[in-house]
Structures are given as C-alpha cells and as structure tokens.
C-alpha cells in the first residue's frame, strides 16, 4: 500500500500534551492538520499513514492569539486540530513519528 504525498501534507504533527495523552487511553488521538483539510481527507490520511481503522473525526480551530515578544507585537496563526477516534483493537504510537 503506497502512501500518497497529499496524506503527508494533510497531517502536520501529532499533539503531545497531557490532555492528549489522557485522550489516547480512550483510543482518541489528536493531530494538528492543515486548516483547509476536511474530515474525510483527515480520515483517509490517518488510515493510510498509520494502517488503522478510524471511526470518527472531530475538528476544532484554535484562534490565534495576540502576543508581545521583546516589545514587538505579533499574532499567532490559527491552528486546526483533529481528534481522531479509532476502532477497538487499533493503536497509534505518536512518539515514533511518520
């Protein structure tokens, strides 16, 4: 099974936080994804890249924040995240990477 390059473009990075680690115990995994990515594209990318069965995809957009760094005002970009629920019996080890 060959991986298409667009699958690698859809998934930006796994989210490794305390909250995401707790969710992984419930077979849910969190990924940063492209803002233009749809749920069907995310599902196809996860299934192809990790060889798992996805049952649900929930997405959210965290709006960028205004920040001041060394007196320079700036704005962080908006970040889209996907919470992917896997079928029973499937696991993803996000620490190994792609």
PDB file of N, CA and C in Angstrom:
ATOM      1  N   UNK A   1       0.848  -1.169   0.000  1.00  0.00           N
ATOM      2  CA  UNK A   1       0.000   0.000   0.000  1.00  0.00           C
ATOM      3  C   UNK A   1       0.898   1.239   0.000  1.00  0.00           C
ATOM      4  N   UNK A   2       0.790   2.045  -1.020  1.00  0.00           N
ATOM      5  CA  UNK A   2       1.636   3.219  -1.159  1.00  0.00           C
ATOM      6  C   UNK A   2       0.971   4.443  -0.534  1.00  0.00           C
ATOM      7  N   UNK A   3       1.775   5.269   0.111  1.00  0.00           N
ATOM      8  CA  UNK A   3       1.253   6.477   0.734  1.00  0.00           C
ATOM      9  C   UNK A   3       1.366   7.629  -0.247  1.00  0.00           C
ATOM     10  N   UNK A   4       0.278   8.328  -0.430  1.00  0.00           N
ATOM     11  CA  UNK A   4       0.241   9.476  -1.318  1.00  0.00           C
ATOM     12  C   UNK A   4       0.859  10.676  -0.607  1.00  0.00           C
ATOM     13  N   UNK A   5       1.542  11.542  -1.338  1.00  0.00           N
ATOM     14  CA  UNK A   5       2.199  12.707  -0.737  1.00  0.00           C
ATOM     15  C   UNK A   5       1.189  13.654  -0.100  1.00  0.00           C
ATOM     16  N   UNK A   6      -0.022  13.691  -0.619  1.00  0.00           N
ATOM     17  CA  UNK A   6      -1.015  14.613  -0.049  1.00  0.00           C
ATOM     18  C   UNK A   6      -1.444  14.194   1.354  1.00  0.00           C
ATOM     19  N   UNK A   7      -1.297  12.901   1.688  1.00  0.00           N
ATOM     20  CA  UNK A   7      -1.602  12.466   3.053  1.00  0.00           C
ATOM     21  C   UNK A   7      -0.608  13.069   4.038  1.00  0.00           C
ATOM     22  N   UNK A   8       0.654  13.158   3.628  1.00  0.00           N
ATOM     23  CA  UNK A   8       1.657  13.771   4.490  1.00  0.00           C
ATOM     24  C   UNK A   8       1.421  15.278   4.613  1.00  0.00           C
ATOM     25  N   UNK A   9       0.843  15.906   3.587  1.00  0.00           N
ATOM     26  CA  UNK A   9       0.540  17.336   3.643  1.00  0.00           C
ATOM     27  C   UNK A   9      -0.660  17.620   4.533  1.00  0.00           C
ATOM     28  N   UNK A  10      -1.590  16.686   4.627  1.00  0.00           N
ATOM     29  CA  UNK A  10      -2.803  16.893   5.423  1.00  0.00           C
ATOM     30  C   UNK A  10      -2.493  16.902   6.916  1.00  0.00           C
ATOM     31  N   UNK A  11      -1.704  15.938   7.374  1.00  0.00           N
ATOM     32  CA  UNK A  11      -1.355  15.824   8.793  1.00  0.00           C
ATOM     33  C   UNK A  11      -0.071  16.596   9.037  1.00  0.00           C
ATOM     34  N   UNK A  12      -0.126  17.618   9.894  1.00  0.00           N
ATOM     35  CA  UNK A  12       1.051  18.442  10.164  1.00  0.00           C
ATOM     36  C   UNK A  12       1.905  17.818  11.257  1.00  0.00           C
ATOM     37  N   UNK A  13       1.303  17.507  12.417  1.00  0.00           N
ATOM     38  CA  UNK A  13       2.068  16.963  13.537  1.00  0.00           C
ATOM     39  C   UNK A  13       1.108  16.382  14.569  1.00  0.00           C
ATOM     40  N   UNK A  14       1.581  15.411  15.345  1.00  0.00           N
ATOM     41  CA  UNK A  14       0.764  14.950  16.468  1.00  0.00           C
ATOM     42  C   UNK A  14       0.842  15.952  17.608  1.00  0.00           C
ATOM     43  N   UNK A  15      -0.220  16.024  18.405  1.00  0.00           N
ATOM     44  CA  UNK A  15      -0.243  16.890  19.582  1.00  0.00           C
ATOM     45  C   UNK A  15       0.094  16.015  20.778  1.00  0.00           C
ATOM     46  N   UNK A  16       1.184  16.347  21.454  1.00  0.00           N
ATOM     47  CA  UNK A  16       1.608  15.561  22.609  1.00  0.00           C
ATOM     48  C   UNK A  16       1.526  16.466  23.830  1.00  0.00           C
ATOM     49  N   UNK A  17       0.372  16.454  24.471  1.00  0.00           N
ATOM     50  CA  UNK A  17       0.145  17.214  25.693  1.00  0.00           C
ATOM     51  C   UNK A  17      -0.437  16.268  26.725  1.00  0.00           C
ATOM     52  N   UNK A  18      -0.592  16.763  27.929  1.00  0.00           N
ATOM     53  CA  UNK A  18      -1.163  15.929  28.984  1.00  0.00           C
ATOM     54  C   UNK A  18      -2.605  15.542  28.647  1.00  0.00           C
ATOM     55  N   UNK A  19      -3.358  16.497  28.117  1.00  0.00           N
ATOM     56  CA  UNK A  19      -4.750  16.231  27.764  1.00  0.00           C
ATOM     57  C   UNK A  19      -4.848  15.222  26.608  1.00  0.00           C
ATOM     58  N   UNK A  20      -3.955  15.336  25.630  1.00  0.00           N
ATOM     59  CA  UNK A  20      -3.964  14.403  24.506  1.00  0.00           C
ATOM     60  C   UNK A  20      -3.541  13.005  24.949  1.00  0.00           C
ATOM     61  N   UNK A  21      -2.637  12.925  25.909  1.00  0.00           N
ATOM     62  CA  UNK A  21      -2.201  11.624  26.423  1.00  0.00           C
ATOM     63  C   UNK A  21      -3.332  10.933  27.164  1.00  0.00           C
ATOM     64  N   UNK A  22      -4.104  11.690  27.924  1.00  0.00           N
ATOM     65  CA  UNK A  22      -5.259  11.117  28.626  1.00  0.00           C
ATOM     66  C   UNK A  22      -6.303  10.643  27.615  1.00  0.00           C
ATOM     67  N   UNK A  23      -6.493  11.404  26.528  1.00  0.00           N
ATOM     68  CA  UNK A  23      -7.458  11.020  25.493  1.00  0.00           C
ATOM     69  C   UNK A  23      -7.018   9.753  24.770  1.00  0.00           C
ATOM     70  N   UNK A  24      -5.705   9.533  24.664  1.00  0.00           N
ATOM     71  CA  UNK A  24      -5.221   8.344  23.964  1.00  0.00           C
ATOM     72  C   UNK A  24      -5.598   7.061  24.705  1.00  0.00           C
ATOM     73  N   UNK A  25      -5.833   7.148  26.001  1.00  0.00           N
ATOM     74  CA  UNK A  25      -6.283   5.983  26.754  1.00  0.00           C
ATOM     75  C   UNK A  25      -7.700   5.586  26.359  1.00  0.00           C
ATOM     76  N   UNK A  26      -8.463   6.545  25.811  1.00  0.00           N
ATOM     77  CA  UNK A  26      -9.817   6.273  25.329  1.00  0.00           C
ATOM     78  C   UNK A  26      -9.827   6.046  23.815  1.00  0.00           C
ATOM     79  N   UNK A  27      -8.645   5.713  23.250  1.00  0.00           N
ATOM     80  CA  UNK A  27      -8.488   5.446  21.811  1.00  0.00           C
ATOM     81  C   UNK A  27      -8.763   6.679  20.952  1.00  0.00           C
ATOM     82  N   UNK A  28      -8.480   7.860  21.486  1.00  0.00           N
ATOM     83  CA  UNK A  28      -8.596   9.104  20.727  1.00  0.00           C
ATOM     84  C   UNK A  28      -7.213   9.728  20.618  1.00  0.00           C
ATOM     85  N   UNK A  29      -6.862  10.184  19.423  1.00  0.00           N
ATOM     86  CA  UNK A  29      -5.547  10.763  19.178  1.00  0.00           C
ATOM     87  C   UNK A  29      -5.721  12.123  18.532  1.00  0.00           C
ATOM     88  N   UNK A  30      -4.878  13.080  18.918  1.00  0.00           N
ATOM     89  CA  UNK A  30      -5.015  14.464  18.480  1.00  0.00           C
ATOM     90  C   UNK A  30      -3.868  14.796  17.536  1.00  0.00           C
ATOM     91  N   UNK A  31      -4.204  15.438  16.397  1.00  0.00           N
ATOM     92  CA  UNK A  31      -3.217  15.841  15.405  1.00  0.00           C
ATOM     93  C   UNK A  31      -3.464  17.280  14.991  1.00  0.00           C
ATOM     94  N   UNK A  32      -2.390  18.015  14.703  1.00  0.00           N
ATOM     95  CA  UNK A  32      -2.526  19.291  14.029  1.00  0.00           C
ATOM     96  C   UNK A  32      -2.656  18.989  12.545  1.00  0.00           C
ATOM     97  N   UNK A  33      -3.604  19.654  11.895  1.00  0.00           N
ATOM     98  CA  UNK A  33      -3.845  19.412  10.476  1.00  0.00           C
ATOM     99  C   UNK A  33      -3.891  20.746   9.736  1.00  0.00           C
ATOM    100  N   UNK A  34      -3.828  20.682   8.409  1.00  0.00           N
ATOM    101  CA  UNK A  34      -3.958  21.898   7.601  1.00  0.00           C
ATOM    102  C   UNK A  34      -5.337  22.506   7.821  1.00  0.00           C
ATOM    103  N   UNK A  35      -5.397  23.832   7.773  1.00  0.00           N
ATOM    104  CA  UNK A  35      -6.683  24.497   8.021  1.00  0.00           C
ATOM    105  C   UNK A  35      -7.696  24.193   6.934  1.00  0.00           C
ATOM    106  N   UNK A  36      -7.246  23.855   5.727  1.00  0.00           N
ATOM    107  CA  UNK A  36      -8.161  23.578   4.614  1.00  0.00           C
ATOM    108  C   UNK A  36      -8.622  22.125   4.591  1.00  0.00           C
ATOM    109  N   UNK A  37      -8.053  21.282   5.442  1.00  0.00           N
ATOM    110  CA  UNK A  37      -8.355  19.845   5.412  1.00  0.00           C
ATOM    111  C   UNK A  37      -9.771  19.579   5.899  1.00  0.00           C
ATOM    112  N   UNK A  38     -10.457  18.660   5.201  1.00  0.00           N
ATOM    113  CA  UNK A  38     -11.794  18.255   5.600  1.00  0.00           C
ATOM    114  C   UNK A  38     -11.712  16.982   6.438  1.00  0.00           C
ATOM    115  N   UNK A  39     -12.821  16.632   7.071  1.00  0.00           N
ATOM    116  CA  UNK A  39     -12.839  15.435   7.914  1.00  0.00           C
ATOM    117  C   UNK A  39     -12.574  14.171   7.095  1.00  0.00           C
ATOM    118  N   UNK A  40     -13.111  14.100   5.880  1.00  0.00           N
ATOM    119  CA  UNK A  40     -12.890  12.912   5.047  1.00  0.00           C
ATOM    120  C   UNK A  40     -11.434  12.809   4.615  1.00  0.00           C
ATOM    121  N   UNK A  41     -10.789  13.936   4.333  1.00  0.00           N
ATOM    122  CA  UNK A  41      -9.370  13.912   3.981  1.00  0.00           C
ATOM    123  C   UNK A  41      -8.520  13.488   5.167  1.00  0.00           C
ATOM    124  N   UNK A  42      -8.866  13.972   6.362  1.00  0.00           N
ATOM    125  CA  UNK A  42      -8.126  13.604   7.567  1.00  0.00           C
ATOM    126  C   UNK A  42      -8.284  12.115   7.841  1.00  0.00           C
ATOM    127  N   UNK A  43      -9.494  11.610   7.712  1.00  0.00           N
ATOM    128  CA  UNK A  43      -9.744  10.184   7.941  1.00  0.00           C
ATOM    129  C   UNK A  43      -8.939   9.330   6.964  1.00  0.00           C
ATOM    130  N   UNK A  44      -8.942   9.694   5.693  1.00  0.00           N
ATOM    131  CA  UNK A  44      -8.198   8.926   4.691  1.00  0.00           C
ATOM    132  C   UNK A  44      -6.697   8.966   4.973  1.00  0.00           C
ATOM    133  N   UNK A  45      -6.184  10.122   5.374  1.00  0.00           N
ATOM    134  CA  UNK A  45      -4.749  10.257   5.640  1.00  0.00           C
ATOM    135  C   UNK A  45      -4.329   9.412   6.839  1.00  0.00           C
ATOM    136  N   UNK A  46      -5.096   9.449   7.913  1.00  0.00           N
ATOM    137  CA  UNK A  46      -4.756   8.677   9.113  1.00  0.00           C
ATOM    138  C   UNK A  46      -4.815   7.179   8.813  1.00  0.00           C
ATOM    139  N   UNK A  47      -5.847   6.750   8.087  1.00  0.00           N
ATOM    140  CA  UNK A  47      -5.974   5.327   7.779  1.00  0.00           C
ATOM    141  C   UNK A  47      -4.830   4.839   6.904  1.00  0.00           C
ATOM    142  N   UNK A  48      -4.398   5.634   5.936  1.00  0.00           N
ATOM    143  CA  UNK A  48      -3.314   5.219   5.041  1.00  0.00           C
ATOM    144  C   UNK A  48      -1.955   5.269   5.735  1.00  0.00           C
ATOM    145  N   UNK A  49      -1.677   6.347   6.475  1.00  0.00           N
ATOM    146  CA  UNK A  49      -0.347   6.532   7.056  1.00  0.00           C
ATOM    147  C   UNK A  49      -0.079   5.583   8.220  1.00  0.00           C
ATOM    148  N   UNK A  50      -1.091   5.322   9.047  1.00  0.00           N
ATOM    149  CA  UNK A  50      -0.879   4.507  10.244  1.00  0.00           C
ATOM    150  C   UNK A  50      -1.479   3.113  10.130  1.00  0.00           C
ATOM    151  N   UNK A  51      -2.182   2.804   9.032  1.00  0.00           N
ATOM    152  CA  UNK A  51      -2.787   1.495   8.797  1.00  0.00           C
ATOM    153  C   UNK A  51      -3.720   1.111   9.949  1.00  0.00           C
ATOM    154  N   UNK A  52      -4.683   2.013  10.236  1.00  0.00           N
ATOM    155  CA  UNK A  52      -5.664   1.806  11.297  1.00  0.00           C
ATOM    156  C   UNK A  52      -7.057   2.044  10.738  1.00  0.00           C
ATOM    157  N   UNK A  53      -8.085   1.739  11.519  1.00  0.00           N
ATOM    158  CA  UNK A  53      -9.485   1.974  11.147  1.00  0.00           C
ATOM    159  C   UNK A  53     -10.024   3.118  11.989  1.00  0.00           C
ATOM    160  N   UNK A  54     -10.439   4.213  11.343  1.00  0.00           N
ATOM    161  CA  UNK A  54     -10.952   5.402  12.022  1.00  0.00           C
ATOM    162  C   UNK A  54     -12.472   5.328  12.079  1.00  0.00           C
ATOM    163  N   UNK A  55     -13.033   5.560  13.271  1.00  0.00           N
ATOM    164  CA  UNK A  55     -14.487   5.548  13.412  1.00  0.00           C
ATOM    165  C   UNK A  55     -15.070   6.955  13.414  1.00  0.00           C
ATOM    166  N   UNK A  56     -14.320   7.958  13.903  1.00  0.00           N
ATOM    167  CA  UNK A  56     -14.848   9.319  13.965  1.00  0.00           C
ATOM    168  C   UNK A  56     -13.706  10.328  13.906  1.00  0.00           C
ATOM    169  N   UNK A  57     -14.015  11.494  13.337  1.00  0.00           N
ATOM    170  CA  UNK A  57     -13.069  12.610  13.298  1.00  0.00           C
ATOM    171  C   UNK A  57     -13.806  13.861  13.758  1.00  0.00           C
ATOM    172  N   UNK A  58     -13.304  14.496  14.809  1.00  0.00           N
ATOM    173  CA  UNK A  58     -13.835  15.770  15.276  1.00  0.00           C
ATOM    174  C   UNK A  58     -12.757  16.820  15.076  1.00  0.00           C
ATOM    175  N   UNK A  59     -13.139  17.998  14.564  1.00  0.00           N
ATOM    176  CA  UNK A  59     -12.157  19.049  14.306  1.00  0.00           C
ATOM    177  C   UNK A  59     -12.501  20.292  15.112  1.00  0.00           C
ATOM    178  N   UNK A  60     -11.465  21.094  15.364  1.00  0.00           N
ATOM    179  CA  UNK A  60     -11.649  22.376  16.027  1.00  0.00           C
ATOM    180  C   UNK A  60     -10.580  23.325  15.518  1.00  0.00           C
ATOM    181  N   UNK A  61     -10.882  24.622  15.575  1.00  0.00           N
ATOM    182  CA  UNK A  61      -9.931  25.646  15.168  1.00  0.00           C
ATOM    183  C   UNK A  61      -9.654  26.523  16.376  1.00  0.00           C
ATOM    184  N   UNK A  62      -8.383  26.509  16.806  1.00  0.00           N
ATOM    185  CA  UNK A  62      -7.969  27.386  17.897  1.00  0.00           C
ATOM    186  C   UNK A  62      -7.541  28.699  17.269  1.00  0.00           C
ATOM    187  N   UNK A  63      -8.240  29.768  17.609  1.00  0.00           N
ATOM    188  CA  UNK A  63      -7.947  31.068  17.039  1.00  0.00           C
ATOM    189  C   UNK A  63      -6.599  31.567  17.534  1.00  0.00           C
ATOM    190  N   UNK A  64      -5.866  32.266  16.672  1.00  0.00           N
ATOM    191  CA  UNK A  64      -4.556  32.795  17.022  1.00  0.00           C
ATOM    192  C   UNK A  64      -4.654  33.874  18.088  1.00  0.00           C
ATOM    193  N   UNK A  65      -3.604  33.971  18.882  1.00  0.00           N
ATOM    194  CA  UNK A  65      -3.585  34.931  19.975  1.00  0.00           C
ATOM    195  C   UNK A  65      -2.680  36.104  19.625  1.00  0.00           C
ATOM    196  N   UNK A  66      -2.970  37.269  20.209  1.00  0.00           N
ATOM    197  CA  UNK A  66      -2.068  38.409  20.110  1.00  0.00           C
ATOM    198  C   UNK A  66      -1.011  38.268  21.190  1.00  0.00           C
ATOM    199  N   UNK A  67       0.253  38.383  20.807  1.00  0.00           N
ATOM    200  CA  UNK A  67       1.357  38.205  21.742  1.00  0.00           C
ATOM    201  C   UNK A  67       2.323  39.373  21.616  1.00  0.00           C
ATOM    202  N   UNK A  68       3.094  39.612  22.684  1.00  0.00           N
ATOM    203  CA  UNK A  68       4.164  40.602  22.667  1.00  0.00           C
ATOM    204  C   UNK A  68       5.448  39.879  23.042  1.00  0.00           C
ATOM    205  N   UNK A  69       6.447  39.953  22.159  1.00  0.00           N
ATOM    206  CA  UNK A  69       7.729  39.295  22.405  1.00  0.00           C
ATOM    207  C   UNK A  69       8.828  40.334  22.236  1.00  0.00           C
ATOM    208  N   UNK A  70       9.521  40.649  23.318  1.00  0.00           N
ATOM    209  CA  UNK A  70      10.588  41.656  23.340  1.00  0.00           C
ATOM    210  C   UNK A  70      10.102  42.998  22.796  1.00  0.00           C
ATOM    211  N   UNK A  71       8.896  43.352  23.181  1.00  0.00           N
ATOM    212  CA  UNK A  71       8.339  44.634  22.793  1.00  0.00           C
ATOM    213  C   UNK A  71       7.741  44.680  21.399  1.00  0.00           C
ATOM    214  N   UNK A  72       7.797  43.596  20.666  1.00  0.00           N
ATOM    215  CA  UNK A  72       7.255  43.552  19.308  1.00  0.00           C
ATOM    216  C   UNK A  72       5.913  42.823  19.357  1.00  0.00           C
ATOM    217  N   UNK A  73       4.890  43.500  18.885  1.00  0.00           N
ATOM    218  CA  UNK A  73       3.568  42.891  18.853  1.00  0.00           C
ATOM    219  C   UNK A  73       3.454  41.968  17.648  1.00  0.00           C
ATOM    220  N   UNK A  74       2.783  40.845  17.862  1.00  0.00           N
ATOM    221  CA  UNK A  74       2.575  39.888  16.787  1.00  0.00           C
ATOM    222  C   UNK A  74       1.313  39.107  17.027  1.00  0.00           C
ATOM    223  N   UNK A  75       0.962  38.289  16.044  1.00  0.00           N
ATOM    224  CA  UNK A  75      -0.237  37.470  16.160  1.00  0.00           C
ATOM    225  C   UNK A  75       0.106  36.049  15.741  1.00  0.00           C
ATOM    226  N   UNK A  76      -0.275  35.088  16.589  1.00  0.00           N
ATOM    227  CA  UNK A  76      -0.081  33.693  16.239  1.00  0.00           C
ATOM    228  C   UNK A  76      -1.125  33.283  15.201  1.00  0.00           C
ATOM    229  N   UNK A  77      -0.781  32.289  14.413  1.00  0.00           N
ATOM    230  CA  UNK A  77      -1.707  31.812  13.399  1.00  0.00           C
ATOM    231  C   UNK A  77      -2.806  30.960  14.032  1.00  0.00           C
ATOM    232  N   UNK A  78      -3.937  30.850  13.322  1.00  0.00           N
ATOM    233  CA  UNK A  78      -4.980  29.930  13.729  1.00  0.00           C
ATOM    234  C   UNK A  78      -4.469  28.500  13.520  1.00  0.00           C
ATOM    235  N   UNK A  79      -4.854  27.591  14.414  1.00  0.00           N
ATOM    236  CA  UNK A  79      -4.404  26.200  14.338  1.00  0.00           C
ATOM    237  C   UNK A  79      -5.624  25.300  14.305  1.00  0.00           C
ATOM    238  N   UNK A  80      -5.669  24.397  13.321  1.00  0.00           N
ATOM    239  CA  UNK A  80      -6.759  23.429  13.249  1.00  0.00           C
ATOM    240  C   UNK A  80      -6.261  22.109  13.819  1.00  0.00           C
ATOM    241  N   UNK A  81      -7.067  21.513  14.705  1.00  0.00           N
ATOM    242  CA  UNK A  81      -6.727  20.236  15.308  1.00  0.00           C
ATOM    243  C   UNK A  81      -7.820  19.228  14.970  1.00  0.00           C
ATOM    244  N   UNK A  82      -7.424  17.971  14.903  1.00  0.00           N
ATOM    245  CA  UNK A  82      -8.373  16.893  14.653  1.00  0.00           C
ATOM    246  C   UNK A  82      -8.240  15.863  15.764  1.00  0.00           C
ATOM    247  N   UNK A  83      -9.365  15.512  16.377  1.00  0.00           N
ATOM    248  CA  UNK A  83      -9.408  14.446  17.372  1.00  0.00           C
ATOM    249  C   UNK A  83      -9.947  13.215  16.652  1.00  0.00           C
ATOM    250  N   UNK A  84      -9.081  12.216  16.493  1.00  0.00           N
ATOM    251  CA  UNK A  84      -9.399  11.022  15.717  1.00  0.00           C
ATOM    252  C   UNK A  84      -9.685   9.874  16.671  1.00  0.00           C
ATOM    253  N   UNK A  85     -10.863   9.269  16.526  1.00  0.00           N
ATOM    254  CA  UNK A  85     -11.241   8.113  17.329  1.00  0.00           C
ATOM    255  C   UNK A  85     -11.037   6.859  16.492  1.00  0.00           C
ATOM    256  N   UNK A  86     -10.293   5.894  17.053  1.00  0.00           N
ATOM    257  CA  UNK A  86     -10.003   4.656  16.342  1.00  0.00           C
ATOM    258  C   UNK A  86     -10.941   3.544  16.783  1.00  0.00           C
ATOM    259  N   UNK A  87     -11.086   2.551  15.915  1.00  0.00           N
ATOM    260  CA  UNK A  87     -11.873   1.373  16.252  1.00  0.00           C
ATOM    261  C   UNK A  87     -11.144   0.566  17.320  1.00  0.00           C
ATOM    262  N   UNK A  88     -11.894  -0.276  18.025  1.00  0.00           N
ATOM    263  CA  UNK A  88     -11.292  -1.108  19.070  1.00  0.00           C
ATOM    264  C   UNK A  88     -10.230  -2.025  18.463  1.00  0.00           C
ATOM    265  N   UNK A  89      -9.114  -2.150  19.172  1.00  0.00           N
ATOM    266  CA  UNK A  89      -8.045  -3.023  18.708  1.00  0.00           C
ATOM    267  C   UNK A  89      -6.960  -2.312  17.929  1.00  0.00           C
ATOM    268  N   UNK A  90      -7.147  -1.051  17.586  1.00  0.00           N
ATOM    269  CA  UNK A  90      -6.153  -0.293  16.838  1.00  0.00           C
ATOM    270  C   UNK A  90      -5.490   0.725  17.763  1.00  0.00           C
ATOM    271  N   UNK A  91      -4.188   0.947  17.551  1.00  0.00           N
ATOM    272  CA  UNK A  91      -3.417   1.909  18.347  1.00  0.00           C
ATOM    273  C   UNK A  91      -2.485   2.681  17.421  1.00  0.00           C
ATOM    274  N   UNK A  92      -2.127   3.897  17.831  1.00  0.00           N
ATOM    275  CA  UNK A  92      -1.134   4.702  17.141  1.00  0.00           C
ATOM    276  C   UNK A  92      -0.082   5.086  18.172  1.00  0.00           C
ATOM    277  N   UNK A  93       1.186   4.861  17.847  1.00  0.00           N
ATOM    278  CA  UNK A  93       2.281   5.297  18.700  1.00  0.00           C
ATOM    279  C   UNK A  93       2.793   6.614  18.134  1.00  0.00           C
ATOM    280  N   UNK A  94       2.302   7.730  18.653  1.00  0.00           N
ATOM    281  CA  UNK A  94       2.640   9.046  18.096  1.00  0.00           C
ATOM    282  C   UNK A  94       4.073   9.454  18.404  1.00  0.00           C
ATOM    283  N   UNK A  95       4.742   8.786  19.339  1.00  0.00           N
ATOM    284  CA  UNK A  95       6.106   9.164  19.681  1.00  0.00           C
ATOM    285  C   UNK A  95       7.106   8.722  18.624  1.00  0.00           C
ATOM    286  N   UNK A  96       6.753   7.742  17.783  1.00  0.00           N
ATOM    287  CA  UNK A  96       7.690   7.261  16.763  1.00  0.00           C
ATOM    288  C   UNK A  96       7.701   8.156  15.543  1.00  0.00           C
ATOM    289  N   UNK A  97       6.632   8.917  15.303  1.00  0.00           N
ATOM    290  CA  UNK A  97       6.557   9.786  14.134  1.00  0.00           C
ATOM    291  C   UNK A  97       6.175   8.998  12.889  1.00  0.00           C
ATOM    292  N   UNK A  98       6.272   9.693  11.738  1.00  0.00           N
ATOM    293  CA  UNK A  98       5.894   9.051  10.474  1.00  0.00           C
ATOM    294  C   UNK A  98       7.140   8.507   9.849  1.00  0.00           C
TER     295      UNK A  98
END
